[in-house]
Amino acid sequence: MKLQQPNILAGIELRELLRKKDTEIPCWQCTKHKATDIHHLNGHHWDKRPENLAPWCKRCHNEHHGISDNITSLNLVVRQFWAIQDQRMAMANRIRAYEELGYDATIAKEIFEQFKVLEKETLKRISKMLKQEPIYVHYLSKIKGIGPAIAAQLIAEIGSPKGFESISALWAYAGLDVRNGSAPKRQRGQKANWNHRLRTIAVGKVVPQFVRLKGKPYLGRQLYERYKRFYTQRDGESISKLHVENRTRRKVAKVFLSCLWLAWREMMGLPVTDPYVVDKLNHSHIIRPEDWAGNGWLPVNTPV
């Protein structure tokens, strides 16, 4: 079923329509390709009014937000890389289980070794593609704990800072904002209006890499220790240690993404806004992108 001009629907209805395999909506921008994305006409992703939503194809949507063909391809390759890695780990566990039962896993091991080679070669391709991205060459590659695979995921999921006019907009896209007093959660049967992959990368991959830098004067580890002390002293008697840990990791992720947003937009010549702690709270000491490169310690009076 091909719909030339479907009735304007609410966001969730339009998204469900785009996902149906038997329904094809032409892109309202180019009219050539199948619409796969929902574009917010006024540029505000929080505005879910039906009249602000339009079905666009991936190419038109990416071009509008300044996402290059290289980043689009990088997104595809990165997802393949993690799929290969997940399968390789599952294969290793499966082989181990069968060998413990006394089965011959020779052929399975040969296939497993081929997966290891494929994973290594894919990472090489990713590293080569990253060399075309200034934000990696001049910034992310300088940060201890951020390797090519994680950097590629960050770049691929964000796409371009052009689509985020403020730090808070990027936080909301990553699901790191506060909604009704708590962090947003995925609901069964509903499409999330934030990028769960980006939150998983920032909180579940970037921050753990910083935590592993224990005993070394790197900013990521320093921030983790500082915010851990702060939340333990402030909230430790009212919440569990796990909640303290989660709040700490979310906070470190937000600071890191703030600096990434600032560095990326400045690199592209895009306007930037002052962080909330400067604009509203009048803090004079803030963490800036250049603080992440090298071994500089945080100023003693840097507010949390």
C-alpha atoms as a PDB file:
ATOM      1  CA  MET A   1       0.000   0.000   0.000  1.00  0.00           C
ATOM      2  CA  LYS A   2       1.553   3.278  -1.143  1.00  0.00           C
ATOM      3  CA  LEU A   3       0.370   6.494   0.494  1.00  0.00           C
ATOM      4  CA  GLN A   4       1.222   9.669  -1.403  1.00  0.00           C
ATOM      5  CA  GLN A   5      -0.037  12.190   1.169  1.00  0.00           C
ATOM      6  CA  PRO A   6      -1.215  10.489   4.366  1.00  0.00           C
ATOM      7  CA  ASN A   7      -3.277  12.437   6.836  1.00  0.00           C
ATOM      8  CA  ILE A   8      -1.151  14.241   9.388  1.00  0.00           C
ATOM      9  CA  LEU A   9      -1.001  11.962  12.408  1.00  0.00           C
ATOM     10  CA  ALA A  10       0.273  12.153  15.938  1.00  0.00           C
ATOM     11  CA  GLY A  11       3.955  11.220  16.317  1.00  0.00           C
ATOM     12  CA  ILE A  12       3.454   7.701  17.620  1.00  0.00           C
ATOM     13  CA  GLU A  13       0.850   6.928  14.931  1.00  0.00           C
ATOM     14  CA  LEU A  14       3.062   8.248  12.145  1.00  0.00           C
ATOM     15  CA  ARG A  15       6.064   6.318  13.443  1.00  0.00           C
ATOM     16  CA  GLU A  16       4.047   3.097  13.551  1.00  0.00           C
ATOM     17  CA  LEU A  17       2.862   3.740   9.989  1.00  0.00           C
ATOM     18  CA  LEU A  18       6.447   4.158   8.784  1.00  0.00           C
ATOM     19  CA  ARG A  19       7.447   0.874  10.416  1.00  0.00           C
ATOM     20  CA  LYS A  20       4.786  -1.188   8.631  1.00  0.00           C
ATOM     21  CA  LYS A  21       6.279  -3.295   5.844  1.00  0.00           C
ATOM     22  CA  ASP A  22       3.134  -3.148   3.702  1.00  0.00           C
ATOM     23  CA  THR A  23       2.926   0.653   3.798  1.00  0.00           C
ATOM     24  CA  GLU A  24       5.154   2.968   1.791  1.00  0.00           C
ATOM     25  CA  ILE A  25       5.101   6.737   2.284  1.00  0.00           C
ATOM     26  CA  PRO A  26       7.221   8.809  -0.127  1.00  0.00           C
ATOM     27  CA  CYS A  27       9.569  11.312   1.491  1.00  0.00           C
ATOM     28  CA  TRP A  28       7.822  14.680   1.737  1.00  0.00           C
ATOM     29  CA  GLN A  29      11.115  16.429   1.017  1.00  0.00           C
ATOM     30  CA  CYS A  30      12.441  14.731  -2.130  1.00  0.00           C
ATOM     31  CA  THR A  31       9.416  12.532  -3.055  1.00  0.00           C
ATOM     32  CA  LYS A  32      11.895   9.986  -4.506  1.00  0.00           C
ATOM     33  CA  HIS A  33      12.734   7.683  -1.608  1.00  0.00           C
ATOM     34  CA  LYS A  34      10.662   5.866   0.972  1.00  0.00           C
ATOM     35  CA  ALA A  35      10.123   7.848   4.163  1.00  0.00           C
ATOM     36  CA  THR A  36      11.781   6.225   7.183  1.00  0.00           C
ATOM     37  CA  ASP A  37      12.273   9.135   9.604  1.00  0.00           C
ATOM     38  CA  ILE A  38      10.120  11.753  11.286  1.00  0.00           C
ATOM     39  CA  HIS A  39      11.375  15.294  10.746  1.00  0.00           C
ATOM     40  CA  HIS A  40      10.414  18.112  13.142  1.00  0.00           C
ATOM     41  CA  LEU A  41       9.639  21.054  10.883  1.00  0.00           C
ATOM     42  CA  ASN A  42      10.430  23.801  13.402  1.00  0.00           C
ATOM     43  CA  GLY A  43      13.616  22.090  14.589  1.00  0.00           C
ATOM     44  CA  HIS A  44      12.334  21.448  18.113  1.00  0.00           C
ATOM     45  CA  HIS A  45      12.349  17.726  18.903  1.00  0.00           C
ATOM     46  CA  TRP A  46      10.197  18.250  21.978  1.00  0.00           C
ATOM     47  CA  ASP A  47       7.370  19.662  19.826  1.00  0.00           C
ATOM     48  CA  LYS A  48       5.291  16.566  19.022  1.00  0.00           C
ATOM     49  CA  ARG A  49       2.284  18.385  17.545  1.00  0.00           C
ATOM     50  CA  PRO A  50       1.063  16.546  14.423  1.00  0.00           C
ATOM     51  CA  GLU A  51       1.472  19.670  12.287  1.00  0.00           C
ATOM     52  CA  ASN A  52       5.176  19.807  13.225  1.00  0.00           C
ATOM     53  CA  LEU A  53       5.915  16.261  12.038  1.00  0.00           C
ATOM     54  CA  ALA A  54       6.771  15.192   8.495  1.00  0.00           C
ATOM     55  CA  PRO A  55       7.885  11.840   7.030  1.00  0.00           C
ATOM     56  CA  TRP A  56      11.322  12.164   5.416  1.00  0.00           C
ATOM     57  CA  CYS A  57      13.752   9.628   3.997  1.00  0.00           C
ATOM     58  CA  LYS A  58      17.025   8.953   5.785  1.00  0.00           C
ATOM     59  CA  ARG A  59      19.113  10.819   3.179  1.00  0.00           C
ATOM     60  CA  CYS A  60      17.072  14.030   3.306  1.00  0.00           C
ATOM     61  CA  HIS A  61      16.961  13.924   7.094  1.00  0.00           C
ATOM     62  CA  ASN A  62      20.716  13.384   7.410  1.00  0.00           C
ATOM     63  CA  GLU A  63      21.554  16.135   4.919  1.00  0.00           C
ATOM     64  CA  HIS A  64      19.278  18.583   6.727  1.00  0.00           C
ATOM     65  CA  HIS A  65      21.042  17.925  10.043  1.00  0.00           C
ATOM     66  CA  GLY A  66      24.532  18.018   8.530  1.00  0.00           C
ATOM     67  CA  ILE A  67      25.238  14.306   8.888  1.00  0.00           C
ATOM     68  CA  SER A  68      27.824  13.334   6.284  1.00  0.00           C
ATOM     69  CA  ASP A  69      27.751  10.217   4.116  1.00  0.00           C
ATOM     70  CA  ASN A  70      30.844   9.020   5.958  1.00  0.00           C
ATOM     71  CA  ILE A  71      29.089   9.206   9.335  1.00  0.00           C
ATOM     72  CA  THR A  72      26.034   7.436   7.909  1.00  0.00           C
ATOM     73  CA  SER A  73      28.270   4.638   6.629  1.00  0.00           C
ATOM     74  CA  LEU A  74      30.158   4.654   9.931  1.00  0.00           C
ATOM     75  CA  ASN A  75      26.893   4.108  11.780  1.00  0.00           C
ATOM     76  CA  LEU A  76      26.165   1.011   9.691  1.00  0.00           C
ATOM     77  CA  VAL A  77      29.679  -0.431  10.062  1.00  0.00           C
ATOM     78  CA  VAL A  78      29.795   0.241  13.810  1.00  0.00           C
ATOM     79  CA  ARG A  79      26.543  -1.617  14.369  1.00  0.00           C
ATOM     80  CA  GLN A  80      27.910  -4.514  12.335  1.00  0.00           C
ATOM     81  CA  PHE A  81      31.064  -4.463  14.459  1.00  0.00           C
ATOM     82  CA  TRP A  82      29.146  -4.785  17.732  1.00  0.00           C
ATOM     83  CA  ALA A  83      26.908  -7.484  16.220  1.00  0.00           C
ATOM     84  CA  ILE A  84      30.038  -9.442  15.228  1.00  0.00           C
ATOM     85  CA  GLN A  85      31.536  -8.951  18.680  1.00  0.00           C
ATOM     86  CA  ASP A  86      28.337 -10.042  20.444  1.00  0.00           C
ATOM     87  CA  GLN A  87      28.150 -13.150  18.265  1.00  0.00           C
ATOM     88  CA  ARG A  88      31.830 -13.923  18.841  1.00  0.00           C
ATOM     89  CA  MET A  89      31.354 -13.744  22.622  1.00  0.00           C
ATOM     90  CA  ALA A  90      28.243 -15.932  22.424  1.00  0.00           C
ATOM     91  CA  MET A  91      30.157 -18.462  20.307  1.00  0.00           C
ATOM     92  CA  ALA A  92      32.978 -18.586  22.851  1.00  0.00           C
ATOM     93  CA  ASN A  93      30.528 -19.314  25.680  1.00  0.00           C
ATOM     94  CA  ARG A  94      28.739 -21.948  23.606  1.00  0.00           C
ATOM     95  CA  ILE A  95      32.001 -23.710  22.655  1.00  0.00           C
ATOM     96  CA  ARG A  96      33.111 -23.728  26.278  1.00  0.00           C
ATOM     97  CA  ALA A  97      29.811 -25.250  27.406  1.00  0.00           C
ATOM     98  CA  TYR A  98      29.945 -28.029  24.794  1.00  0.00           C
ATOM     99  CA  GLU A  99      33.579 -28.862  25.570  1.00  0.00           C
ATOM    100  CA  GLU A 100      32.725 -29.204  29.255  1.00  0.00           C
ATOM    101  CA  LEU A 101      30.212 -31.863  28.211  1.00  0.00           C
ATOM    102  CA  GLY A 102      32.916 -33.735  26.328  1.00  0.00           C
ATOM    103  CA  TYR A 103      31.927 -32.810  22.755  1.00  0.00           C
ATOM    104  CA  ASP A 104      34.449 -32.174  19.956  1.00  0.00           C
ATOM    105  CA  ALA A 105      34.232 -28.449  19.053  1.00  0.00           C
ATOM    106  CA  THR A 106      37.080 -28.387  16.507  1.00  0.00           C
ATOM    107  CA  ILE A 107      34.990 -27.084  13.593  1.00  0.00           C
ATOM    108  CA  ALA A 108      33.201 -24.577  15.805  1.00  0.00           C
ATOM    109  CA  LYS A 109      36.578 -23.270  16.986  1.00  0.00           C
ATOM    110  CA  GLU A 110      37.733 -22.791  13.394  1.00  0.00           C
ATOM    111  CA  ILE A 111      34.644 -20.707  12.684  1.00  0.00           C
ATOM    112  CA  PHE A 112      35.225 -18.828  15.934  1.00  0.00           C
ATOM    113  CA  GLU A 113      38.745 -17.897  14.833  1.00  0.00           C
ATOM    114  CA  GLN A 114      37.349 -16.532  11.564  1.00  0.00           C
ATOM    115  CA  PHE A 115      34.975 -14.325  13.571  1.00  0.00           C
ATOM    116  CA  LYS A 116      37.920 -12.972  15.550  1.00  0.00           C
ATOM    117  CA  VAL A 117      39.682 -12.049  12.295  1.00  0.00           C
ATOM    118  CA  LEU A 118      36.500 -10.434  10.944  1.00  0.00           C
ATOM    119  CA  GLU A 119      36.092  -8.411  14.144  1.00  0.00           C
ATOM    120  CA  LYS A 120      39.693  -7.207  13.948  1.00  0.00           C
ATOM    121  CA  GLU A 121      39.393  -6.265  10.282  1.00  0.00           C
ATOM    122  CA  THR A 122      36.126  -4.400  10.895  1.00  0.00           C
ATOM    123  CA  LEU A 123      37.762  -2.356  13.652  1.00  0.00           C
ATOM    124  CA  LYS A 124      40.549  -1.438  11.215  1.00  0.00           C
ATOM    125  CA  ARG A 125      37.928  -0.195   8.749  1.00  0.00           C
ATOM    126  CA  ILE A 126      36.303   1.850  11.512  1.00  0.00           C
ATOM    127  CA  SER A 127      39.636   3.408  12.470  1.00  0.00           C
ATOM    128  CA  LYS A 128      40.229   4.369   8.847  1.00  0.00           C
ATOM    129  CA  MET A 129      36.788   5.976   8.552  1.00  0.00           C
ATOM    130  CA  LEU A 130      37.333   7.903  11.780  1.00  0.00           C
ATOM    131  CA  LYS A 131      40.349   9.645  10.257  1.00  0.00           C
ATOM    132  CA  GLN A 132      37.898  11.572   8.077  1.00  0.00           C
ATOM    133  CA  GLU A 133      36.129  13.022  11.133  1.00  0.00           C
ATOM    134  CA  PRO A 134      37.821  16.112  12.678  1.00  0.00           C
ATOM    135  CA  ILE A 135      36.026  15.650  16.006  1.00  0.00           C
ATOM    136  CA  TYR A 136      37.812  12.316  16.392  1.00  0.00           C
ATOM    137  CA  VAL A 137      41.211  13.367  15.033  1.00  0.00           C
ATOM    138  CA  HIS A 138      41.465  16.583  17.045  1.00  0.00           C
ATOM    139  CA  TYR A 139      39.459  15.752  20.166  1.00  0.00           C
ATOM    140  CA  LEU A 140      38.135  12.277  20.981  1.00  0.00           C
ATOM    141  CA  SER A 141      41.394  10.527  20.063  1.00  0.00           C
ATOM    142  CA  LYS A 142      43.156  12.675  22.685  1.00  0.00           C
ATOM    143  CA  ILE A 143      40.969  11.506  25.577  1.00  0.00           C
ATOM    144  CA  LYS A 144      42.311   8.617  27.630  1.00  0.00           C
ATOM    145  CA  GLY A 145      39.794   5.792  27.740  1.00  0.00           C
ATOM    146  CA  ILE A 146      38.060   6.613  24.455  1.00  0.00           C
ATOM    147  CA  GLY A 147      39.149   4.064  21.856  1.00  0.00           C
ATOM    148  CA  PRO A 148      38.149   3.934  18.179  1.00  0.00           C
ATOM    149  CA  ALA A 149      35.161   1.633  18.704  1.00  0.00           C
ATOM    150  CA  ILE A 150      33.567   3.815  21.407  1.00  0.00           C
ATOM    151  CA  ALA A 151      34.439   7.046  19.573  1.00  0.00           C
ATOM    152  CA  ALA A 152      32.837   5.697  16.412  1.00  0.00           C
ATOM    153  CA  GLN A 153      29.658   4.823  18.283  1.00  0.00           C
ATOM    154  CA  LEU A 154      29.430   8.283  19.825  1.00  0.00           C
ATOM    155  CA  ILE A 155      29.927  10.014  16.488  1.00  0.00           C
ATOM    156  CA  ALA A 156      27.569   7.682  14.639  1.00  0.00           C
ATOM    157  CA  GLU A 157      24.711   7.963  17.148  1.00  0.00           C
ATOM    158  CA  ILE A 158      24.950  11.748  17.551  1.00  0.00           C
ATOM    159  CA  GLY A 159      25.529  12.266  13.838  1.00  0.00           C
ATOM    160  CA  SER A 160      26.141  15.995  14.008  1.00  0.00           C
ATOM    161  CA  PRO A 161      25.895  18.644  16.756  1.00  0.00           C
ATOM    162  CA  LYS A 162      24.003  20.796  14.259  1.00  0.00           C
ATOM    163  CA  GLY A 163      20.784  19.114  15.355  1.00  0.00           C
ATOM    164  CA  PHE A 164      21.262  20.110  19.003  1.00  0.00           C
ATOM    165  CA  GLU A 165      21.170  23.837  19.662  1.00  0.00           C
ATOM    166  CA  SER A 166      21.868  23.416  23.368  1.00  0.00           C
ATOM    167  CA  ILE A 167      23.598  20.985  25.687  1.00  0.00           C
ATOM    168  CA  SER A 168      20.269  20.133  27.294  1.00  0.00           C
ATOM    169  CA  ALA A 169      18.903  19.115  23.873  1.00  0.00           C
ATOM    170  CA  LEU A 170      21.713  16.571  23.512  1.00  0.00           C
ATOM    171  CA  TRP A 171      21.122  15.328  27.057  1.00  0.00           C
ATOM    172  CA  ALA A 172      17.438  14.817  26.293  1.00  0.00           C
ATOM    173  CA  TYR A 173      18.300  12.954  23.073  1.00  0.00           C
ATOM    174  CA  ALA A 174      20.595  10.683  25.099  1.00  0.00           C
ATOM    175  CA  GLY A 175      17.923  10.085  27.740  1.00  0.00           C
ATOM    176  CA  LEU A 176      20.006  11.831  30.400  1.00  0.00           C
ATOM    177  CA  ASP A 177      17.423  14.469  31.291  1.00  0.00           C
ATOM    178  CA  VAL A 178      14.918  14.289  34.144  1.00  0.00           C
ATOM    179  CA  ARG A 179      11.255  13.672  33.357  1.00  0.00           C
ATOM    180  CA  ASN A 180       8.663  13.675  36.125  1.00  0.00           C
ATOM    181  CA  GLY A 181      11.407  13.470  38.714  1.00  0.00           C
ATOM    182  CA  SER A 182      13.296  10.523  37.234  1.00  0.00           C
ATOM    183  CA  ALA A 183      15.311   9.395  34.235  1.00  0.00           C
ATOM    184  CA  PRO A 184      13.286   8.385  31.157  1.00  0.00           C
ATOM    185  CA  LYS A 185      12.610   4.679  30.805  1.00  0.00           C
ATOM    186  CA  ARG A 186      11.733   2.548  27.825  1.00  0.00           C
ATOM    187  CA  GLN A 187       8.127   1.356  27.828  1.00  0.00           C
ATOM    188  CA  ARG A 188       7.121  -2.018  26.449  1.00  0.00           C
ATOM    189  CA  GLY A 189       5.379  -1.634  23.097  1.00  0.00           C
ATOM    190  CA  GLN A 190       6.247   2.062  22.777  1.00  0.00           C
ATOM    191  CA  LYS A 191       8.897   3.792  20.684  1.00  0.00           C
ATOM    192  CA  ALA A 192      11.212   5.836  22.909  1.00  0.00           C
ATOM    193  CA  ASN A 193      11.629   9.504  21.972  1.00  0.00           C
ATOM    194  CA  TRP A 194      15.283   9.375  22.997  1.00  0.00           C
ATOM    195  CA  ASN A 195      18.284   7.371  21.773  1.00  0.00           C
ATOM    196  CA  HIS A 196      18.769   4.415  24.107  1.00  0.00           C
ATOM    197  CA  ARG A 197      21.926   3.380  22.225  1.00  0.00           C
ATOM    198  CA  LEU A 198      23.567   6.721  22.959  1.00  0.00           C
ATOM    199  CA  ARG A 199      22.739   6.465  26.660  1.00  0.00           C
ATOM    200  CA  THR A 200      24.115   2.918  26.748  1.00  0.00           C
ATOM    201  CA  ILE A 201      27.339   4.112  25.125  1.00  0.00           C
ATOM    202  CA  ALA A 202      27.769   7.172  27.357  1.00  0.00           C
ATOM    203  CA  VAL A 203      26.811   5.590  30.674  1.00  0.00           C
ATOM    204  CA  GLY A 204      27.571   1.930  30.027  1.00  0.00           C
ATOM    205  CA  LYS A 205      30.755   2.137  27.959  1.00  0.00           C
ATOM    206  CA  VAL A 206      32.416   5.567  28.224  1.00  0.00           C
ATOM    207  CA  VAL A 207      32.144   5.975  32.000  1.00  0.00           C
ATOM    208  CA  PRO A 208      33.318   2.402  32.808  1.00  0.00           C
ATOM    209  CA  GLN A 209      36.410   3.099  30.706  1.00  0.00           C
ATOM    210  CA  PHE A 210      37.087   6.169  32.858  1.00  0.00           C
ATOM    211  CA  VAL A 211      36.553   4.138  36.036  1.00  0.00           C
ATOM    212  CA  ARG A 212      39.239   1.658  34.914  1.00  0.00           C
ATOM    213  CA  LEU A 213      41.803   4.491  34.983  1.00  0.00           C
ATOM    214  CA  LYS A 214      42.079   4.081  38.765  1.00  0.00           C
ATOM    215  CA  GLY A 215      45.142   5.629  40.356  1.00  0.00           C
ATOM    216  CA  LYS A 216      45.973   7.761  37.322  1.00  0.00           C
ATOM    217  CA  PRO A 217      45.487  11.547  37.035  1.00  0.00           C
ATOM    218  CA  TYR A 218      42.941  11.513  34.221  1.00  0.00           C
ATOM    219  CA  LEU A 219      39.889  13.741  34.285  1.00  0.00           C
ATOM    220  CA  GLY A 220      37.314  11.001  33.696  1.00  0.00           C
ATOM    221  CA  ARG A 221      38.444   9.077  36.776  1.00  0.00           C
ATOM    222  CA  GLN A 222      38.732  12.275  38.846  1.00  0.00           C
ATOM    223  CA  LEU A 223      35.173  13.262  37.999  1.00  0.00           C
ATOM    224  CA  TYR A 224      33.898   9.805  38.878  1.00  0.00           C
ATOM    225  CA  GLU A 225      35.576   9.901  42.303  1.00  0.00           C
ATOM    226  CA  ARG A 226      34.429  13.455  42.997  1.00  0.00           C
ATOM    227  CA  TYR A 227      30.775  12.883  42.115  1.00  0.00           C
ATOM    228  CA  LYS A 228      30.760   9.534  43.928  1.00  0.00           C
ATOM    229  CA  ARG A 229      31.833  11.293  47.136  1.00  0.00           C
ATOM    230  CA  PHE A 230      29.297  14.058  46.582  1.00  0.00           C
ATOM    231  CA  TYR A 231      26.281  11.760  46.056  1.00  0.00           C
ATOM    232  CA  THR A 232      27.370   9.443  48.866  1.00  0.00           C
ATOM    233  CA  GLN A 233      27.528  12.341  51.330  1.00  0.00           C
ATOM    234  CA  ARG A 234      24.328  13.966  50.091  1.00  0.00           C
ATOM    235  CA  ASP A 235      22.103  10.958  49.374  1.00  0.00           C
ATOM    236  CA  GLY A 236      23.894   7.944  50.860  1.00  0.00           C
ATOM    237  CA  GLU A 237      21.503   7.535  53.796  1.00  0.00           C
ATOM    238  CA  SER A 238      18.342   7.683  51.683  1.00  0.00           C
ATOM    239  CA  ILE A 239      19.241   5.594  48.627  1.00  0.00           C
ATOM    240  CA  SER A 240      21.160   2.398  47.917  1.00  0.00           C
ATOM    241  CA  LYS A 241      24.791   2.186  46.825  1.00  0.00           C
ATOM    242  CA  LEU A 242      23.567   1.130  43.378  1.00  0.00           C
ATOM    243  CA  HIS A 243      21.524   4.322  43.058  1.00  0.00           C
ATOM    244  CA  VAL A 244      24.537   6.370  44.129  1.00  0.00           C
ATOM    245  CA  GLU A 245      26.615   4.604  41.467  1.00  0.00           C
ATOM    246  CA  ASN A 246      23.984   5.211  38.776  1.00  0.00           C
ATOM    247  CA  ARG A 247      23.697   8.913  39.641  1.00  0.00           C
ATOM    248  CA  THR A 248      27.469   9.226  39.566  1.00  0.00           C
ATOM    249  CA  ARG A 249      27.790   7.616  36.153  1.00  0.00           C
ATOM    250  CA  ARG A 250      24.961   9.679  34.684  1.00  0.00           C
ATOM    251  CA  LYS A 251      26.584  12.864  35.959  1.00  0.00           C
ATOM    252  CA  VAL A 252      29.987  11.992  34.503  1.00  0.00           C
ATOM    253  CA  ALA A 253      28.320  11.085  31.203  1.00  0.00           C
ATOM    254  CA  LYS A 254      26.503  14.434  31.097  1.00  0.00           C
ATOM    255  CA  VAL A 255      29.693  16.407  31.728  1.00  0.00           C
ATOM    256  CA  PHE A 256      31.528  14.429  29.070  1.00  0.00           C
ATOM    257  CA  LEU A 257      28.750  14.924  26.489  1.00  0.00           C
ATOM    258  CA  SER A 258      28.615  18.635  27.322  1.00  0.00           C
ATOM    259  CA  CYS A 259      32.269  19.041  26.454  1.00  0.00           C
ATOM    260  CA  LEU A 260      31.914  16.902  23.337  1.00  0.00           C
ATOM    261  CA  TRP A 261      28.970  19.055  22.196  1.00  0.00           C
ATOM    262  CA  LEU A 262      30.926  22.255  22.842  1.00  0.00           C
ATOM    263  CA  ALA A 263      34.094  21.069  21.078  1.00  0.00           C
ATOM    264  CA  TRP A 264      32.165  19.720  18.094  1.00  0.00           C
ATOM    265  CA  ARG A 265      30.061  22.837  17.556  1.00  0.00           C
ATOM    266  CA  GLU A 266      33.038  25.165  17.939  1.00  0.00           C
ATOM    267  CA  MET A 267      34.954  23.019  15.461  1.00  0.00           C
ATOM    268  CA  MET A 268      32.099  23.396  12.950  1.00  0.00           C
ATOM    269  CA  GLY A 269      31.747  27.129  13.558  1.00  0.00           C
ATOM    270  CA  LEU A 270      28.285  26.734  15.101  1.00  0.00           C
ATOM    271  CA  PRO A 271      27.018  29.034  17.880  1.00  0.00           C
ATOM    272  CA  VAL A 272      27.243  27.729  21.447  1.00  0.00           C
ATOM    273  CA  THR A 273      25.384  28.605  24.619  1.00  0.00           C
ATOM    274  CA  ASP A 274      26.678  28.826  28.169  1.00  0.00           C
ATOM    275  CA  PRO A 275      26.137  25.728  30.295  1.00  0.00           C
ATOM    276  CA  TYR A 276      23.336  25.831  32.865  1.00  0.00           C
ATOM    277  CA  VAL A 277      25.813  26.140  35.750  1.00  0.00           C
ATOM    278  CA  VAL A 278      27.182  29.341  34.219  1.00  0.00           C
ATOM    279  CA  ASP A 279      23.995  30.847  32.814  1.00  0.00           C
ATOM    280  CA  LYS A 280      21.719  30.117  35.781  1.00  0.00           C
ATOM    281  CA  LEU A 281      23.928  29.212  38.745  1.00  0.00           C
ATOM    282  CA  ASN A 282      26.706  31.751  38.054  1.00  0.00           C
ATOM    283  CA  HIS A 283      29.526  29.251  38.486  1.00  0.00           C
ATOM    284  CA  SER A 284      32.838  30.702  37.363  1.00  0.00           C
ATOM    285  CA  HIS A 285      34.760  27.423  37.073  1.00  0.00           C
ATOM    286  CA  ILE A 286      33.496  24.922  34.532  1.00  0.00           C
ATOM    287  CA  ILE A 287      34.980  21.882  32.855  1.00  0.00           C
ATOM    288  CA  ARG A 288      35.843  22.600  29.252  1.00  0.00           C
ATOM    289  CA  PRO A 289      36.780  20.349  26.298  1.00  0.00           C
ATOM    290  CA  GLU A 290      40.499  21.046  26.629  1.00  0.00           C
ATOM    291  CA  ASP A 291      40.465  19.733  30.217  1.00  0.00           C
ATOM    292  CA  TRP A 292      39.904  16.181  28.947  1.00  0.00           C
ATOM    293  CA  ALA A 293      43.130  15.995  26.961  1.00  0.00           C
ATOM    294  CA  GLY A 294      46.263  15.441  28.997  1.00  0.00           C
ATOM    295  CA  ASN A 295      46.678  14.811  32.687  1.00  0.00           C
ATOM    296  CA  GLY A 296      45.464  18.087  34.192  1.00  0.00           C
ATOM    297  CA  TRP A 297      43.831  17.905  37.605  1.00  0.00           C
ATOM    298  CA  LEU A 298      40.506  19.557  38.353  1.00  0.00           C
ATOM    299  CA  PRO A 299      40.710  22.919  40.110  1.00  0.00           C
ATOM    300  CA  VAL A 300      40.086  22.385  43.802  1.00  0.00           C
ATOM    301  CA  ASN A 301      37.151  24.820  43.813  1.00  0.00           C
ATOM    302  CA  THR A 302      35.395  23.401  40.757  1.00  0.00           C
ATOM    303  CA  PRO A 303      31.706  23.104  41.788  1.00  0.00           C
ATOM    304  CA  VAL A 304      29.835  19.868  41.280  1.00  0.00           C
END
